[in-house]
């Protein structure tokens, strides 16, 4: 039987207490809506919008002083217009992602090695 594994103390990273999932926002929400406009027999136009809201997230912990690695709260909106030909055989779509051109971080890495952090 192996001896129980111990977790080494955090030497320079500070406490991670309070961050259930590091690099993940504490809360997120996604809203989506479609509006269909019937044109003729089977053809239609579909107007669609989605919005994602997320609270701020921390790279490591609340005591981490490297603020550029953290992500503030952000909301992102997308829009789409589709034209569906009769019988639904073909659909033509135009879309815009991030309508308001919100700047947000999807992933952040440091340039320092683990031993230097």
C-alpha atoms as a PDB file:
ATOM      1  CA  UNK A   1       0.000   0.000   0.000  1.00  0.00           C
ATOM      2  CA  UNK A   2       1.350   3.396  -0.976  1.00  0.00           C
ATOM      3  CA  UNK A   3       1.822   6.138   1.573  1.00  0.00           C
ATOM      4  CA  UNK A   4      -0.731   8.967   1.330  1.00  0.00           C
ATOM      5  CA  UNK A   5       0.330  11.741  -1.012  1.00  0.00           C
ATOM      6  CA  UNK A   6       0.891  15.131   0.525  1.00  0.00           C
ATOM      7  CA  UNK A   7       0.313  18.367  -1.335  1.00  0.00           C
ATOM      8  CA  UNK A   8       3.347  20.655  -1.151  1.00  0.00           C
ATOM      9  CA  UNK A   9       2.724  24.149   0.252  1.00  0.00           C
ATOM     10  CA  UNK A  10       2.274  27.044  -2.153  1.00  0.00           C
ATOM     11  CA  UNK A  11       5.650  28.703  -2.096  1.00  0.00           C
ATOM     12  CA  UNK A  12       5.133  31.907  -4.073  1.00  0.00           C
ATOM     13  CA  UNK A  13       1.622  31.596  -5.469  1.00  0.00           C
ATOM     14  CA  UNK A  14      -0.313  32.692  -2.401  1.00  0.00           C
ATOM     15  CA  UNK A  15      -3.561  31.179  -1.219  1.00  0.00           C
ATOM     16  CA  UNK A  16      -6.007  29.805  -3.765  1.00  0.00           C
ATOM     17  CA  UNK A  17      -8.794  29.719  -1.207  1.00  0.00           C
ATOM     18  CA  UNK A  18     -12.113  31.001  -2.525  1.00  0.00           C
ATOM     19  CA  UNK A  19     -11.399  30.163  -6.174  1.00  0.00           C
ATOM     20  CA  UNK A  20     -13.324  26.982  -6.825  1.00  0.00           C
ATOM     21  CA  UNK A  21     -12.087  26.777 -10.406  1.00  0.00           C
ATOM     22  CA  UNK A  22      -9.061  28.898 -11.206  1.00  0.00           C
ATOM     23  CA  UNK A  23      -9.358  30.764 -14.545  1.00  0.00           C
ATOM     24  CA  UNK A  24     -13.112  30.191 -14.542  1.00  0.00           C
ATOM     25  CA  UNK A  25     -15.708  32.878 -13.862  1.00  0.00           C
ATOM     26  CA  UNK A  26     -17.810  32.385 -10.758  1.00  0.00           C
ATOM     27  CA  UNK A  27     -21.011  32.767 -12.782  1.00  0.00           C
ATOM     28  CA  UNK A  28     -21.933  32.678 -16.464  1.00  0.00           C
ATOM     29  CA  UNK A  29     -25.182  33.074 -18.356  1.00  0.00           C
ATOM     30  CA  UNK A  30     -26.137  32.552 -21.983  1.00  0.00           C
ATOM     31  CA  UNK A  31     -29.270  33.896 -23.620  1.00  0.00           C
ATOM     32  CA  UNK A  32     -30.384  32.946 -27.121  1.00  0.00           C
ATOM     33  CA  UNK A  33     -33.387  33.970 -29.200  1.00  0.00           C
ATOM     34  CA  UNK A  34     -34.638  33.151 -32.706  1.00  0.00           C
ATOM     35  CA  UNK A  35     -37.367  34.985 -34.597  1.00  0.00           C
ATOM     36  CA  UNK A  36     -38.739  33.296 -37.725  1.00  0.00           C
ATOM     37  CA  UNK A  37     -40.451  35.248 -40.506  1.00  0.00           C
ATOM     38  CA  UNK A  38     -42.357  33.128 -43.024  1.00  0.00           C
ATOM     39  CA  UNK A  39     -42.031  34.584 -46.520  1.00  0.00           C
ATOM     40  CA  UNK A  40     -43.741  32.234 -48.932  1.00  0.00           C
ATOM     41  CA  UNK A  41     -44.684  28.585 -49.129  1.00  0.00           C
ATOM     42  CA  UNK A  42     -41.728  27.124 -47.197  1.00  0.00           C
ATOM     43  CA  UNK A  43     -39.084  29.852 -47.302  1.00  0.00           C
ATOM     44  CA  UNK A  44     -38.301  31.934 -44.259  1.00  0.00           C
ATOM     45  CA  UNK A  45     -35.899  34.403 -42.704  1.00  0.00           C
ATOM     46  CA  UNK A  46     -34.518  33.651 -39.263  1.00  0.00           C
ATOM     47  CA  UNK A  47     -33.184  36.474 -37.081  1.00  0.00           C
ATOM     48  CA  UNK A  48     -31.117  35.217 -34.166  1.00  0.00           C
ATOM     49  CA  UNK A  49     -29.141  36.720 -31.320  1.00  0.00           C
ATOM     50  CA  UNK A  50     -27.069  35.293 -28.488  1.00  0.00           C
ATOM     51  CA  UNK A  51     -25.566  37.001 -25.495  1.00  0.00           C
ATOM     52  CA  UNK A  52     -23.016  35.612 -23.051  1.00  0.00           C
ATOM     53  CA  UNK A  53     -22.392  37.210 -19.678  1.00  0.00           C
ATOM     54  CA  UNK A  54     -19.581  36.165 -17.394  1.00  0.00           C
ATOM     55  CA  UNK A  55     -18.277  37.491 -14.131  1.00  0.00           C
ATOM     56  CA  UNK A  56     -14.618  38.218 -13.532  1.00  0.00           C
ATOM     57  CA  UNK A  57     -12.130  35.381 -13.170  1.00  0.00           C
ATOM     58  CA  UNK A  58      -8.755  35.181 -11.521  1.00  0.00           C
ATOM     59  CA  UNK A  59      -5.697  33.406 -12.826  1.00  0.00           C
ATOM     60  CA  UNK A  60      -4.646  32.075  -9.441  1.00  0.00           C
ATOM     61  CA  UNK A  61      -6.033  33.689  -6.306  1.00  0.00           C
ATOM     62  CA  UNK A  62      -7.495  36.851  -4.887  1.00  0.00           C
ATOM     63  CA  UNK A  63      -4.030  37.762  -3.570  1.00  0.00           C
ATOM     64  CA  UNK A  64      -2.295  37.457  -6.951  1.00  0.00           C
ATOM     65  CA  UNK A  65      -0.866  40.878  -7.796  1.00  0.00           C
ATOM     66  CA  UNK A  66      -0.484  40.277 -11.535  1.00  0.00           C
ATOM     67  CA  UNK A  67      -3.683  42.000 -12.598  1.00  0.00           C
ATOM     68  CA  UNK A  68      -2.981  41.714 -16.324  1.00  0.00           C
ATOM     69  CA  UNK A  69      -3.491  37.956 -16.035  1.00  0.00           C
ATOM     70  CA  UNK A  70      -6.988  38.353 -14.599  1.00  0.00           C
ATOM     71  CA  UNK A  71     -10.163  38.795 -16.666  1.00  0.00           C
ATOM     72  CA  UNK A  72     -12.786  41.336 -15.683  1.00  0.00           C
ATOM     73  CA  UNK A  73     -16.507  40.768 -16.166  1.00  0.00           C
ATOM     74  CA  UNK A  74     -17.542  40.734 -19.822  1.00  0.00           C
ATOM     75  CA  UNK A  75     -20.632  40.446 -21.977  1.00  0.00           C
ATOM     76  CA  UNK A  76     -20.483  39.301 -25.589  1.00  0.00           C
ATOM     77  CA  UNK A  77     -23.312  39.586 -28.127  1.00  0.00           C
ATOM     78  CA  UNK A  78     -23.626  37.772 -31.454  1.00  0.00           C
ATOM     79  CA  UNK A  79     -26.164  38.226 -34.274  1.00  0.00           C
ATOM     80  CA  UNK A  80     -27.210  36.050 -37.199  1.00  0.00           C
ATOM     81  CA  UNK A  81     -29.573  36.354 -40.182  1.00  0.00           C
ATOM     82  CA  UNK A  82     -30.476  33.236 -42.170  1.00  0.00           C
ATOM     83  CA  UNK A  83     -32.537  32.746 -45.318  1.00  0.00           C
ATOM     84  CA  UNK A  84     -34.017  29.275 -45.700  1.00  0.00           C
ATOM     85  CA  UNK A  85     -35.030  28.262 -49.221  1.00  0.00           C
ATOM     86  CA  UNK A  86     -38.319  26.434 -49.816  1.00  0.00           C
ATOM     87  CA  UNK A  87     -38.381  22.861 -48.527  1.00  0.00           C
ATOM     88  CA  UNK A  88     -35.475  23.737 -46.213  1.00  0.00           C
ATOM     89  CA  UNK A  89     -32.915  22.171 -48.522  1.00  0.00           C
ATOM     90  CA  UNK A  90     -30.479  25.142 -48.409  1.00  0.00           C
ATOM     91  CA  UNK A  91     -29.833  27.856 -45.847  1.00  0.00           C
ATOM     92  CA  UNK A  92     -27.771  31.011 -46.397  1.00  0.00           C
ATOM     93  CA  UNK A  93     -26.457  32.678 -43.262  1.00  0.00           C
ATOM     94  CA  UNK A  94     -24.692  35.940 -42.421  1.00  0.00           C
ATOM     95  CA  UNK A  95     -23.451  36.482 -38.888  1.00  0.00           C
ATOM     96  CA  UNK A  96     -21.469  38.830 -36.681  1.00  0.00           C
ATOM     97  CA  UNK A  97     -19.675  37.521 -33.602  1.00  0.00           C
ATOM     98  CA  UNK A  98     -18.842  39.938 -30.784  1.00  0.00           C
ATOM     99  CA  UNK A  99     -21.049  42.737 -32.127  1.00  0.00           C
ATOM    100  CA  UNK A 100     -19.777  45.358 -29.657  1.00  0.00           C
ATOM    101  CA  UNK A 101     -16.135  44.331 -30.270  1.00  0.00           C
ATOM    102  CA  UNK A 102     -15.645  43.574 -26.570  1.00  0.00           C
ATOM    103  CA  UNK A 103     -12.046  42.842 -25.648  1.00  0.00           C
ATOM    104  CA  UNK A 104     -11.747  39.828 -23.370  1.00  0.00           C
ATOM    105  CA  UNK A 105      -9.174  37.194 -22.497  1.00  0.00           C
ATOM    106  CA  UNK A 106      -9.886  33.634 -23.444  1.00  0.00           C
ATOM    107  CA  UNK A 107      -6.629  32.306 -22.017  1.00  0.00           C
ATOM    108  CA  UNK A 108      -3.570  33.935 -20.429  1.00  0.00           C
ATOM    109  CA  UNK A 109      -0.085  32.567 -19.840  1.00  0.00           C
ATOM    110  CA  UNK A 110       2.936  34.091 -18.193  1.00  0.00           C
ATOM    111  CA  UNK A 111       6.316  34.306 -19.875  1.00  0.00           C
ATOM    112  CA  UNK A 112       8.098  33.135 -16.719  1.00  0.00           C
ATOM    113  CA  UNK A 113       8.896  29.512 -15.972  1.00  0.00           C
ATOM    114  CA  UNK A 114       7.271  27.789 -12.997  1.00  0.00           C
ATOM    115  CA  UNK A 115      10.444  28.117 -10.915  1.00  0.00           C
ATOM    116  CA  UNK A 116      10.530  31.893 -11.435  1.00  0.00           C
ATOM    117  CA  UNK A 117       6.878  32.684 -10.685  1.00  0.00           C
END
